[in-house]
Amino acid sequence: MESSLKLALDRQGYRLIGEGGAVKVCHWCKESLKTGRGCYKQRFYGIQSHRCIQMTPNVHQCNEMCLFCWRYQGYQLTNDNPVDPAELVEGAVEAHRKLIVGWKGDPRVPRDKFEEAWNPDQVAISLSGEPTMYKHLQDLLVECHRRGLRTFLVTNGTGPAVLERLDPLPYQLYVTVAAQNEDVFNRLCAPQTPRLWQNLNRTLALLPSLGCRTVIRHTLVKGWNLEDPDGFAALDAVADPDFIEPKGYVWVGDSRNRLNPENMPTFAEIRAFSDRLAELNGLTVLDGDPTSRVCLVGDLATNRWVGNDPMPGSRG
């Protein structure tokens, strides 16, 4: 990795693990420690924000250059020498602890809460880059689960062959669906290799057969996709996920060079989109978080993922 990229990532709060792995403490982890306020995933799914590691196995390696992505896209790494999965998990826990150690003496942070944060129980495999491009993703899940870490895997859905082979499965699989048709996908998500729209649709068709909690996230960009809930509803009908998250684009990071503040939907607009989406697929808007500009759509009457779920096992 180029020294200039390493320096830039360090200044942004990343801690690198090998040539491709990275950790960054989430804003909501800090908020949970000092004020008790958690992220919307805590509200929706019952996780504890201060016990979550935010990491990636392949920082700055992605097959899309989405206009709404906050990362700087001037670098595109190949990660030919991916870090070993066991080293990656150990390094992620160690880096996370180094990043939060300063909160230990903060009078706003209860001692027991800091001890919980020191011993995280889940990992969000997201942050930056596309995780299905990491060659050892399955072994990474094995290592996380062996350490008692629940895994939230976030993917752009363009690696269906990888998802088909995963064993064990993640605790929760997020698939970002930010375009309602191929034309918008090509312009908004800027695929870097052929057939990614077709691959995404293969993933959507695969989801109902998976034995883990599945969530479709619609990143809503005003003027691009917010105005077409009907198009998204058709894709969701194929995927039949446990939950759907319509979530508003935020004008942050390098996306400010590609989009405008006017592309950010209001929470009222996201709620209206969610109401229509739910109506079309016979679902319900279950909750919403105005701070994060996100709604939760699903069907609690039939959903099997309510309450404390066990750690996922193997497919067998």
C-alpha atoms as a PDB file:
ATOM      1  CA  MET A   1       0.000   0.000   0.000  1.00  0.00           C
ATOM      2  CA  GLU A   2       1.318   3.414  -0.934  1.00  0.00           C
ATOM      3  CA  SER A   3       2.646   5.488   1.959  1.00  0.00           C
ATOM      4  CA  SER A   4       0.459   8.443   0.951  1.00  0.00           C
ATOM      5  CA  LEU A   5      -2.666   6.275   1.248  1.00  0.00           C
ATOM      6  CA  LYS A   6      -1.516   4.910   4.607  1.00  0.00           C
ATOM      7  CA  LEU A   7      -0.979   8.463   5.864  1.00  0.00           C
ATOM      8  CA  ALA A   8      -4.387   9.590   4.610  1.00  0.00           C
ATOM      9  CA  LEU A   9      -6.134   6.638   6.258  1.00  0.00           C
ATOM     10  CA  ASP A  10      -4.283   7.211   9.516  1.00  0.00           C
ATOM     11  CA  ARG A  11      -5.374  10.855   9.565  1.00  0.00           C
ATOM     12  CA  GLN A  12      -8.970   9.709   9.044  1.00  0.00           C
ATOM     13  CA  GLY A  13      -8.825   7.501  12.131  1.00  0.00           C
ATOM     14  CA  TYR A  14      -8.163   4.143  10.484  1.00  0.00           C
ATOM     15  CA  ARG A  15      -5.763   1.600  11.942  1.00  0.00           C
ATOM     16  CA  LEU A  16      -4.346  -0.731   9.316  1.00  0.00           C
ATOM     17  CA  ILE A  17      -3.893  -4.483   9.698  1.00  0.00           C
ATOM     18  CA  GLY A  18      -1.447  -5.909   7.187  1.00  0.00           C
ATOM     19  CA  GLU A  19      -1.816  -4.685   3.624  1.00  0.00           C
ATOM     20  CA  GLY A  20      -5.589  -4.723   3.372  1.00  0.00           C
ATOM     21  CA  GLY A  21      -7.344  -4.880   6.740  1.00  0.00           C
ATOM     22  CA  ALA A  22      -8.455  -1.823   8.665  1.00  0.00           C
ATOM     23  CA  VAL A  23     -10.436  -0.778  11.749  1.00  0.00           C
ATOM     24  CA  LYS A  24     -12.092   2.515  12.583  1.00  0.00           C
ATOM     25  CA  VAL A  25     -14.145   3.266  15.676  1.00  0.00           C
ATOM     26  CA  CYS A  26     -17.702   4.142  14.727  1.00  0.00           C
ATOM     27  CA  HIS A  27     -19.216   7.438  15.861  1.00  0.00           C
ATOM     28  CA  TRP A  28     -21.999   5.501  17.572  1.00  0.00           C
ATOM     29  CA  CYS A  29     -19.567   3.357  19.543  1.00  0.00           C
ATOM     30  CA  LYS A  30     -18.223   6.566  21.074  1.00  0.00           C
ATOM     31  CA  GLU A  31     -21.722   7.963  21.611  1.00  0.00           C
ATOM     32  CA  SER A  32     -22.819   4.779  23.349  1.00  0.00           C
ATOM     33  CA  LEU A  33     -19.843   4.975  25.700  1.00  0.00           C
ATOM     34  CA  LYS A  34     -20.213   8.605  26.724  1.00  0.00           C
ATOM     35  CA  THR A  35     -23.975   9.241  26.463  1.00  0.00           C
ATOM     36  CA  GLY A  36     -25.668   5.847  26.161  1.00  0.00           C
ATOM     37  CA  ARG A  37     -27.071   6.714  22.712  1.00  0.00           C
ATOM     38  CA  GLY A  38     -26.657   3.865  20.259  1.00  0.00           C
ATOM     39  CA  CYS A  39     -26.943   3.612  16.498  1.00  0.00           C
ATOM     40  CA  TYR A  40     -30.113   2.663  14.677  1.00  0.00           C
ATOM     41  CA  LYS A  41     -28.989  -0.990  14.582  1.00  0.00           C
ATOM     42  CA  GLN A  42     -29.218  -0.968  18.370  1.00  0.00           C
ATOM     43  CA  ARG A  43     -32.754   0.347  18.102  1.00  0.00           C
ATOM     44  CA  PHE A  44     -33.791  -1.993  15.277  1.00  0.00           C
ATOM     45  CA  TYR A  45     -31.933  -5.218  16.118  1.00  0.00           C
ATOM     46  CA  GLY A  46     -30.941  -5.014  19.767  1.00  0.00           C
ATOM     47  CA  ILE A  47     -27.170  -4.858  19.309  1.00  0.00           C
ATOM     48  CA  GLN A  48     -24.975  -2.870  21.718  1.00  0.00           C
ATOM     49  CA  SER A  49     -23.189  -0.128  19.798  1.00  0.00           C
ATOM     50  CA  HIS A  50     -20.291   0.146  22.253  1.00  0.00           C
ATOM     51  CA  ARG A  51     -19.491  -3.554  21.791  1.00  0.00           C
ATOM     52  CA  CYS A  52     -19.193  -3.443  17.996  1.00  0.00           C
ATOM     53  CA  ILE A  53     -15.976  -3.451  15.954  1.00  0.00           C
ATOM     54  CA  GLN A  54     -16.174  -1.671  12.591  1.00  0.00           C
ATOM     55  CA  MET A  55     -13.644  -3.223  10.211  1.00  0.00           C
ATOM     56  CA  THR A  56     -12.849  -4.221   6.643  1.00  0.00           C
ATOM     57  CA  PRO A  57     -10.689  -7.045   5.259  1.00  0.00           C
ATOM     58  CA  ASN A  58      -9.851  -5.049   2.114  1.00  0.00           C
ATOM     59  CA  VAL A  59      -9.831  -1.306   2.487  1.00  0.00           C
ATOM     60  CA  HIS A  60      -9.986   0.554  -0.857  1.00  0.00           C
ATOM     61  CA  GLN A  61     -10.760  -2.509  -2.973  1.00  0.00           C
ATOM     62  CA  CYS A  62     -14.180  -2.348  -4.618  1.00  0.00           C
ATOM     63  CA  ASN A  63     -15.722  -3.188  -7.977  1.00  0.00           C
ATOM     64  CA  GLU A  64     -18.018  -0.163  -7.901  1.00  0.00           C
ATOM     65  CA  MET A  65     -17.391   3.563  -7.587  1.00  0.00           C
ATOM     66  CA  CYS A  66     -20.767   4.708  -6.314  1.00  0.00           C
ATOM     67  CA  LEU A  67     -21.404   8.418  -6.541  1.00  0.00           C
ATOM     68  CA  PHE A  68     -22.818   8.414  -3.005  1.00  0.00           C
ATOM     69  CA  CYS A  69     -19.807   6.649  -1.457  1.00  0.00           C
ATOM     70  CA  TRP A  70     -17.951   8.786   1.064  1.00  0.00           C
ATOM     71  CA  ARG A  71     -14.541   7.175   0.448  1.00  0.00           C
ATOM     72  CA  TYR A  72     -11.833   8.733  -1.704  1.00  0.00           C
ATOM     73  CA  GLN A  73     -11.807   6.805  -4.974  1.00  0.00           C
ATOM     74  CA  GLY A  74      -8.444   7.878  -6.339  1.00  0.00           C
ATOM     75  CA  TYR A  75      -6.909   4.619  -5.104  1.00  0.00           C
ATOM     76  CA  GLN A  76      -7.997   1.172  -6.242  1.00  0.00           C
ATOM     77  CA  LEU A  77      -6.015  -1.573  -4.530  1.00  0.00           C
ATOM     78  CA  THR A  78      -5.821  -5.169  -5.740  1.00  0.00           C
ATOM     79  CA  ASN A  79      -4.907  -6.694  -2.359  1.00  0.00           C
ATOM     80  CA  ASP A  80      -2.874  -9.523  -3.895  1.00  0.00           C
ATOM     81  CA  ASN A  81      -1.470 -10.349  -0.457  1.00  0.00           C
ATOM     82  CA  PRO A  82      -4.557 -10.451   1.807  1.00  0.00           C
ATOM     83  CA  VAL A  83      -3.988 -10.651   5.533  1.00  0.00           C
ATOM     84  CA  ASP A  84      -4.513 -14.038   7.187  1.00  0.00           C
ATOM     85  CA  PRO A  85      -8.038 -14.295   8.696  1.00  0.00           C
ATOM     86  CA  ALA A  86      -6.843 -15.224  12.195  1.00  0.00           C
ATOM     87  CA  GLU A  87      -4.342 -12.355  12.166  1.00  0.00           C
ATOM     88  CA  LEU A  88      -7.046 -10.059  10.850  1.00  0.00           C
ATOM     89  CA  VAL A  89      -9.451 -10.810  13.702  1.00  0.00           C
ATOM     90  CA  GLU A  90      -6.753 -10.611  16.369  1.00  0.00           C
ATOM     91  CA  GLY A  91      -5.464  -7.407  14.823  1.00  0.00           C
ATOM     92  CA  ALA A  92      -8.955  -5.927  14.641  1.00  0.00           C
ATOM     93  CA  VAL A  93      -9.622  -6.533  18.338  1.00  0.00           C
ATOM     94  CA  GLU A  94      -6.198  -5.151  19.287  1.00  0.00           C
ATOM     95  CA  ALA A  95      -6.590  -2.066  17.066  1.00  0.00           C
ATOM     96  CA  HIS A  96     -10.101  -1.437  18.370  1.00  0.00           C
ATOM     97  CA  ARG A  97      -8.838  -1.562  21.954  1.00  0.00           C
ATOM     98  CA  LYS A  98      -6.024   0.860  21.213  1.00  0.00           C
ATOM     99  CA  LEU A  99      -8.508   3.269  19.656  1.00  0.00           C
ATOM    100  CA  ILE A 100     -10.888   3.233  22.637  1.00  0.00           C
ATOM    101  CA  VAL A 101      -8.362   3.013  25.502  1.00  0.00           C
ATOM    102  CA  GLY A 102      -8.514   6.782  26.037  1.00  0.00           C
ATOM    103  CA  TRP A 103     -12.142   6.476  27.138  1.00  0.00           C
ATOM    104  CA  LYS A 104     -11.136   4.399  30.162  1.00  0.00           C
ATOM    105  CA  GLY A 105     -10.578   7.404  32.394  1.00  0.00           C
ATOM    106  CA  ASP A 106     -13.351   9.571  30.974  1.00  0.00           C
ATOM    107  CA  PRO A 107     -15.779  10.450  33.796  1.00  0.00           C
ATOM    108  CA  ARG A 108     -18.705  10.222  31.385  1.00  0.00           C
ATOM    109  CA  VAL A 109     -18.030   6.520  30.733  1.00  0.00           C
ATOM    110  CA  PRO A 110     -19.193   4.002  33.375  1.00  0.00           C
ATOM    111  CA  ARG A 111     -16.464   1.509  34.191  1.00  0.00           C
ATOM    112  CA  ASP A 112     -18.634  -1.518  33.439  1.00  0.00           C
ATOM    113  CA  LYS A 113     -19.557  -0.100  30.050  1.00  0.00           C
ATOM    114  CA  PHE A 114     -15.919   0.437  29.176  1.00  0.00           C
ATOM    115  CA  GLU A 115     -15.170  -3.164  30.162  1.00  0.00           C
ATOM    116  CA  GLU A 116     -17.930  -4.312  27.801  1.00  0.00           C
ATOM    117  CA  ALA A 117     -16.463  -2.218  24.993  1.00  0.00           C
ATOM    118  CA  TRP A 118     -13.044  -3.702  25.750  1.00  0.00           C
ATOM    119  CA  ASN A 119     -14.562  -7.122  25.078  1.00  0.00           C
ATOM    120  CA  PRO A 120     -16.618  -6.641  21.889  1.00  0.00           C
ATOM    121  CA  ASP A 121     -19.203  -9.235  20.916  1.00  0.00           C
ATOM    122  CA  GLN A 122     -19.844  -8.340  17.289  1.00  0.00           C
ATOM    123  CA  VAL A 123     -18.073  -7.123  14.198  1.00  0.00           C
ATOM    124  CA  ALA A 124     -19.457  -5.097  11.303  1.00  0.00           C
ATOM    125  CA  ILE A 125     -17.585  -6.239   8.200  1.00  0.00           C
ATOM    126  CA  SER A 126     -18.145  -3.128   6.148  1.00  0.00           C
ATOM    127  CA  LEU A 127     -16.396   0.242   6.637  1.00  0.00           C
ATOM    128  CA  SER A 128     -14.793   0.471   3.170  1.00  0.00           C
ATOM    129  CA  GLY A 129     -14.244  -1.852   0.229  1.00  0.00           C
ATOM    130  CA  GLU A 130     -16.290  -4.841  -0.961  1.00  0.00           C
ATOM    131  CA  PRO A 131     -15.783  -7.793   1.433  1.00  0.00           C
ATOM    132  CA  THR A 132     -16.723 -10.521  -1.069  1.00  0.00           C
ATOM    133  CA  MET A 133     -13.531  -9.591  -2.941  1.00  0.00           C
ATOM    134  CA  TYR A 134     -11.492 -10.750   0.087  1.00  0.00           C
ATOM    135  CA  LYS A 135     -10.180 -14.215  -0.767  1.00  0.00           C
ATOM    136  CA  HIS A 136     -10.609 -15.662   2.733  1.00  0.00           C
ATOM    137  CA  LEU A 137     -14.038 -14.326   3.684  1.00  0.00           C
ATOM    138  CA  GLN A 138     -15.359 -17.724   4.785  1.00  0.00           C
ATOM    139  CA  ASP A 139     -12.371 -18.285   7.075  1.00  0.00           C
ATOM    140  CA  LEU A 140     -12.822 -14.780   8.451  1.00  0.00           C
ATOM    141  CA  LEU A 141     -16.370 -15.676   9.498  1.00  0.00           C
ATOM    142  CA  VAL A 142     -15.089 -18.879  11.084  1.00  0.00           C
ATOM    143  CA  GLU A 143     -12.508 -16.964  13.114  1.00  0.00           C
ATOM    144  CA  CYS A 144     -15.040 -14.348  14.218  1.00  0.00           C
ATOM    145  CA  HIS A 145     -17.606 -16.916  15.333  1.00  0.00           C
ATOM    146  CA  ARG A 146     -14.938 -18.966  17.104  1.00  0.00           C
ATOM    147  CA  ARG A 147     -14.231 -15.891  19.235  1.00  0.00           C
ATOM    148  CA  GLY A 148     -17.919 -15.306  19.974  1.00  0.00           C
ATOM    149  CA  LEU A 149     -18.203 -12.340  17.612  1.00  0.00           C
ATOM    150  CA  ARG A 150     -21.484 -12.002  15.764  1.00  0.00           C
ATOM    151  CA  THR A 151     -20.917 -10.913  12.194  1.00  0.00           C
ATOM    152  CA  PHE A 152     -22.797  -8.228  10.278  1.00  0.00           C
ATOM    153  CA  LEU A 153     -21.607  -8.625   6.681  1.00  0.00           C
ATOM    154  CA  VAL A 154     -22.350  -5.698   4.340  1.00  0.00           C
ATOM    155  CA  THR A 155     -22.003  -6.332   0.600  1.00  0.00           C
ATOM    156  CA  ASN A 156     -22.989  -4.646  -2.638  1.00  0.00           C
ATOM    157  CA  GLY A 157     -24.371  -7.994  -3.777  1.00  0.00           C
ATOM    158  CA  THR A 158     -22.126  -8.433  -6.805  1.00  0.00           C
ATOM    159  CA  GLY A 159     -20.434 -11.608  -5.535  1.00  0.00           C
ATOM    160  CA  PRO A 160     -23.215 -14.236  -5.543  1.00  0.00           C
ATOM    161  CA  ALA A 161     -20.776 -17.102  -6.116  1.00  0.00           C
ATOM    162  CA  VAL A 162     -18.979 -16.164  -2.894  1.00  0.00           C
ATOM    163  CA  LEU A 163     -22.226 -15.922  -0.918  1.00  0.00           C
ATOM    164  CA  GLU A 164     -23.401 -19.288  -2.252  1.00  0.00           C
ATOM    165  CA  ARG A 165     -20.326 -20.990  -0.805  1.00  0.00           C
ATOM    166  CA  LEU A 166     -20.181 -19.306   2.603  1.00  0.00           C
ATOM    167  CA  ASP A 167     -20.201 -21.790   5.485  1.00  0.00           C
ATOM    168  CA  PRO A 168     -20.775 -20.599   8.153  1.00  0.00           C
ATOM    169  CA  LEU A 169     -23.076 -17.812   7.132  1.00  0.00           C
ATOM    170  CA  PRO A 170     -22.897 -14.392   8.778  1.00  0.00           C
ATOM    171  CA  TYR A 171     -25.272 -13.576  11.610  1.00  0.00           C
ATOM    172  CA  GLN A 172     -26.780 -10.824   9.458  1.00  0.00           C
ATOM    173  CA  LEU A 173     -26.255 -10.283   5.739  1.00  0.00           C
ATOM    174  CA  TYR A 174     -26.789  -6.760   4.428  1.00  0.00           C
ATOM    175  CA  VAL A 175     -27.140  -6.288   0.658  1.00  0.00           C
ATOM    176  CA  THR A 176     -27.068  -2.728  -0.602  1.00  0.00           C
ATOM    177  CA  VAL A 177     -29.497  -2.180  -3.470  1.00  0.00           C
ATOM    178  CA  ALA A 178     -29.104   1.441  -4.509  1.00  0.00           C
ATOM    179  CA  ALA A 179     -30.605   1.289  -7.992  1.00  0.00           C
ATOM    180  CA  GLN A 180     -34.046   0.277  -9.143  1.00  0.00           C
ATOM    181  CA  ASN A 181     -32.966  -0.645 -12.683  1.00  0.00           C
ATOM    182  CA  GLU A 182     -29.864  -1.272 -14.747  1.00  0.00           C
ATOM    183  CA  ASP A 183     -29.685   2.229 -16.193  1.00  0.00           C
ATOM    184  CA  VAL A 184     -29.601   3.894 -12.767  1.00  0.00           C
ATOM    185  CA  PHE A 185     -27.202   1.210 -11.535  1.00  0.00           C
ATOM    186  CA  ASN A 186     -24.714   1.977 -14.305  1.00  0.00           C
ATOM    187  CA  ARG A 187     -24.855   5.725 -13.690  1.00  0.00           C
ATOM    188  CA  LEU A 188     -25.154   5.863  -9.885  1.00  0.00           C
ATOM    189  CA  CYS A 189     -23.128   2.825  -8.799  1.00  0.00           C
ATOM    190  CA  ALA A 190     -20.516   3.086 -11.600  1.00  0.00           C
ATOM    191  CA  PRO A 191     -19.635  -0.627 -11.959  1.00  0.00           C
ATOM    192  CA  GLN A 192     -15.976  -1.226 -12.800  1.00  0.00           C
ATOM    193  CA  THR A 193     -16.352  -4.700 -14.291  1.00  0.00           C
ATOM    194  CA  PRO A 194     -19.001  -6.259 -16.579  1.00  0.00           C
ATOM    195  CA  ARG A 195     -22.240  -7.993 -15.542  1.00  0.00           C
ATOM    196  CA  LEU A 196     -22.449  -6.583 -12.007  1.00  0.00           C
ATOM    197  CA  TRP A 197     -26.152  -5.749 -12.393  1.00  0.00           C
ATOM    198  CA  GLN A 198     -26.776  -9.349 -13.399  1.00  0.00           C
ATOM    199  CA  ASN A 199     -24.700 -10.541 -10.439  1.00  0.00           C
ATOM    200  CA  LEU A 200     -26.722  -8.376  -8.060  1.00  0.00           C
ATOM    201  CA  ASN A 201     -29.925  -9.911  -9.353  1.00  0.00           C
ATOM    202  CA  ARG A 202     -28.459 -13.395  -8.842  1.00  0.00           C
ATOM    203  CA  THR A 203     -27.786 -12.445  -5.224  1.00  0.00           C
ATOM    204  CA  LEU A 204     -31.348 -11.223  -4.746  1.00  0.00           C
ATOM    205  CA  ALA A 205     -32.667 -14.535  -6.068  1.00  0.00           C
ATOM    206  CA  LEU A 206     -30.291 -16.392  -3.732  1.00  0.00           C
ATOM    207  CA  LEU A 207     -31.337 -14.652  -0.510  1.00  0.00           C
ATOM    208  CA  PRO A 208     -34.513 -16.632   0.249  1.00  0.00           C
ATOM    209  CA  SER A 209     -32.492 -19.864   0.362  1.00  0.00           C
ATOM    210  CA  LEU A 210     -29.989 -18.621   2.932  1.00  0.00           C
ATOM    211  CA  GLY A 211     -30.330 -19.554   6.580  1.00  0.00           C
ATOM    212  CA  CYS A 212     -29.290 -16.247   8.089  1.00  0.00           C
ATOM    213  CA  ARG A 213     -31.040 -12.945   8.719  1.00  0.00           C
ATOM    214  CA  THR A 214     -31.117 -10.940   5.503  1.00  0.00           C
ATOM    215  CA  VAL A 215     -31.554  -7.201   5.123  1.00  0.00           C
ATOM    216  CA  ILE A 216     -31.858  -5.148   1.942  1.00  0.00           C
ATOM    217  CA  ARG A 217     -30.587  -1.603   2.318  1.00  0.00           C
ATOM    218  CA  HIS A 218     -31.790   0.983  -0.176  1.00  0.00           C
ATOM    219  CA  THR A 219     -29.436   3.948  -0.196  1.00  0.00           C
ATOM    220  CA  LEU A 220     -31.779   6.719  -1.318  1.00  0.00           C
ATOM    221  CA  VAL A 221     -30.396   9.626  -3.336  1.00  0.00           C
ATOM    222  CA  LYS A 222     -32.849  12.383  -4.189  1.00  0.00           C
ATOM    223  CA  GLY A 223     -33.079  12.921  -7.922  1.00  0.00           C
ATOM    224  CA  TRP A 224     -31.722   9.436  -8.641  1.00  0.00           C
ATOM    225  CA  ASN A 225     -33.808   6.729  -6.974  1.00  0.00           C
ATOM    226  CA  LEU A 226     -35.956   8.209  -4.192  1.00  0.00           C
ATOM    227  CA  GLU A 227     -38.773   8.809  -6.630  1.00  0.00           C
ATOM    228  CA  ASP A 228     -39.277   5.152  -7.645  1.00  0.00           C
ATOM    229  CA  PRO A 229     -40.339   2.938  -4.713  1.00  0.00           C
ATOM    230  CA  ASP A 230     -42.283   0.765  -7.182  1.00  0.00           C
ATOM    231  CA  GLY A 231     -39.067  -0.257  -8.943  1.00  0.00           C
ATOM    232  CA  PHE A 232     -37.401  -1.205  -5.673  1.00  0.00           C
ATOM    233  CA  ALA A 233     -40.483  -3.113  -4.505  1.00  0.00           C
ATOM    234  CA  ALA A 234     -40.172  -5.447  -7.484  1.00  0.00           C
ATOM    235  CA  LEU A 235     -36.555  -6.262  -6.550  1.00  0.00           C
ATOM    236  CA  ASP A 236     -37.495  -6.758  -2.895  1.00  0.00           C
ATOM    237  CA  ALA A 237     -40.215  -9.207  -3.891  1.00  0.00           C
ATOM    238  CA  VAL A 238     -37.534 -11.409  -5.454  1.00  0.00           C
ATOM    239  CA  ALA A 239     -35.150 -11.142  -2.492  1.00  0.00           C
ATOM    240  CA  ASP A 240     -37.854 -11.650   0.179  1.00  0.00           C
ATOM    241  CA  PRO A 241     -35.530 -10.339   2.919  1.00  0.00           C
ATOM    242  CA  ASP A 242     -36.301 -10.429   6.625  1.00  0.00           C
ATOM    243  CA  PHE A 243     -36.047  -6.639   6.747  1.00  0.00           C
ATOM    244  CA  ILE A 244     -35.669  -3.704   4.377  1.00  0.00           C
ATOM    245  CA  GLU A 245     -33.878  -0.485   5.332  1.00  0.00           C
ATOM    246  CA  PRO A 246     -34.603   2.572   3.184  1.00  0.00           C
ATOM    247  CA  LYS A 247     -31.769   4.895   4.257  1.00  0.00           C
ATOM    248  CA  GLY A 248     -30.999   8.410   3.100  1.00  0.00           C
ATOM    249  CA  TYR A 249     -27.767   9.455   1.431  1.00  0.00           C
ATOM    250  CA  VAL A 250     -25.697  11.896   3.505  1.00  0.00           C
ATOM    251  CA  TRP A 251     -23.484  14.522   1.890  1.00  0.00           C
ATOM    252  CA  VAL A 252     -20.189  13.594   3.552  1.00  0.00           C
ATOM    253  CA  GLY A 253     -16.648  12.638   2.611  1.00  0.00           C
ATOM    254  CA  ASP A 254     -15.581  12.492  -1.001  1.00  0.00           C
ATOM    255  CA  SER A 255     -19.182  12.153  -2.196  1.00  0.00           C
ATOM    256  CA  ARG A 256     -19.310  15.937  -1.859  1.00  0.00           C
ATOM    257  CA  ASN A 257     -17.233  16.097  -5.059  1.00  0.00           C
ATOM    258  CA  ARG A 258     -19.835  14.053  -6.958  1.00  0.00           C
ATOM    259  CA  LEU A 259     -23.235  14.982  -5.513  1.00  0.00           C
ATOM    260  CA  ASN A 260     -24.895  17.992  -3.895  1.00  0.00           C
ATOM    261  CA  PRO A 261     -26.580  18.684  -0.531  1.00  0.00           C
ATOM    262  CA  GLU A 262     -29.880  18.742  -2.419  1.00  0.00           C
ATOM    263  CA  ASN A 263     -29.443  15.003  -3.095  1.00  0.00           C
ATOM    264  CA  MET A 264     -30.042  14.264   0.607  1.00  0.00           C
ATOM    265  CA  PRO A 265     -33.626  13.155   1.312  1.00  0.00           C
ATOM    266  CA  THR A 266     -35.416  14.397   4.392  1.00  0.00           C
ATOM    267  CA  PHE A 267     -36.664  11.872   6.918  1.00  0.00           C
ATOM    268  CA  ALA A 268     -40.224  12.696   5.867  1.00  0.00           C
ATOM    269  CA  GLU A 269     -39.347  11.764   2.278  1.00  0.00           C
ATOM    270  CA  ILE A 270     -37.726   8.517   3.425  1.00  0.00           C
ATOM    271  CA  ARG A 271     -40.818   7.697   5.467  1.00  0.00           C
ATOM    272  CA  ALA A 272     -43.068   8.353   2.467  1.00  0.00           C
ATOM    273  CA  PHE A 273     -40.883   6.083   0.316  1.00  0.00           C
ATOM    274  CA  SER A 274     -41.022   3.405   3.037  1.00  0.00           C
ATOM    275  CA  ASP A 275     -44.805   3.642   3.353  1.00  0.00           C
ATOM    276  CA  ARG A 276     -45.214   3.083  -0.372  1.00  0.00           C
ATOM    277  CA  LEU A 277     -42.659   0.256  -0.451  1.00  0.00           C
ATOM    278  CA  ALA A 278     -44.390  -1.489   2.445  1.00  0.00           C
ATOM    279  CA  GLU A 279     -47.803  -1.077   0.817  1.00  0.00           C
ATOM    280  CA  LEU A 280     -46.618  -2.623  -2.446  1.00  0.00           C
ATOM    281  CA  ASN A 281     -45.181  -5.750  -0.789  1.00  0.00           C
ATOM    282  CA  GLY A 282     -47.748  -6.207   1.980  1.00  0.00           C
ATOM    283  CA  LEU A 283     -45.320  -5.203   4.726  1.00  0.00           C
ATOM    284  CA  THR A 284     -45.255  -2.639   7.540  1.00  0.00           C
ATOM    285  CA  VAL A 285     -43.008   0.265   8.475  1.00  0.00           C
ATOM    286  CA  LEU A 286     -41.880  -1.130  11.829  1.00  0.00           C
ATOM    287  CA  ASP A 287     -39.671   1.713  13.045  1.00  0.00           C
ATOM    288  CA  GLY A 288     -37.631   4.705  12.032  1.00  0.00           C
ATOM    289  CA  ASP A 289     -34.674   6.746  13.205  1.00  0.00           C
ATOM    290  CA  PRO A 290     -34.757  10.400  12.120  1.00  0.00           C
ATOM    291  CA  THR A 291     -31.165  10.997  13.254  1.00  0.00           C
ATOM    292  CA  SER A 292     -29.800   8.390  10.838  1.00  0.00           C
ATOM    293  CA  ARG A 293     -32.537   9.033   8.248  1.00  0.00           C
ATOM    294  CA  VAL A 294     -33.544   5.384   8.049  1.00  0.00           C
ATOM    295  CA  CYS A 295     -36.723   3.315   8.337  1.00  0.00           C
ATOM    296  CA  LEU A 296     -37.228  -0.367   9.027  1.00  0.00           C
ATOM    297  CA  VAL A 297     -39.718  -2.287   6.878  1.00  0.00           C
ATOM    298  CA  GLY A 298     -40.802  -5.862   7.551  1.00  0.00           C
ATOM    299  CA  ASP A 299     -43.448  -8.130   9.009  1.00  0.00           C
ATOM    300  CA  LEU A 300     -43.109  -8.808  12.733  1.00  0.00           C
ATOM    301  CA  ALA A 301     -46.110 -11.132  12.696  1.00  0.00           C
ATOM    302  CA  THR A 302     -44.216 -13.752  10.724  1.00  0.00           C
ATOM    303  CA  ASN A 303     -40.589 -12.787  11.179  1.00  0.00           C
ATOM    304  CA  ARG A 304     -38.507 -15.509  12.803  1.00  0.00           C
ATOM    305  CA  TRP A 305     -35.674 -13.220  13.807  1.00  0.00           C
ATOM    306  CA  VAL A 306     -37.359 -11.402  16.672  1.00  0.00           C
ATOM    307  CA  GLY A 307     -35.599 -11.521  20.037  1.00  0.00           C
ATOM    308  CA  ASN A 308     -32.167 -12.884  20.948  1.00  0.00           C
ATOM    309  CA  ASP A 309     -30.957 -15.005  18.079  1.00  0.00           C
ATOM    310  CA  PRO A 310     -28.360 -17.771  18.503  1.00  0.00           C
ATOM    311  CA  MET A 311     -24.938 -17.581  16.953  1.00  0.00           C
ATOM    312  CA  PRO A 312     -25.179 -18.864  13.382  1.00  0.00           C
ATOM    313  CA  GLY A 313     -23.808 -22.288  12.667  1.00  0.00           C
ATOM    314  CA  SER A 314     -22.791 -24.136   9.545  1.00  0.00           C
ATOM    315  CA  ARG A 315     -25.127 -24.800   6.651  1.00  0.00           C
ATOM    316  CA  GLY A 316     -25.078 -28.496   7.444  1.00  0.00           C
END
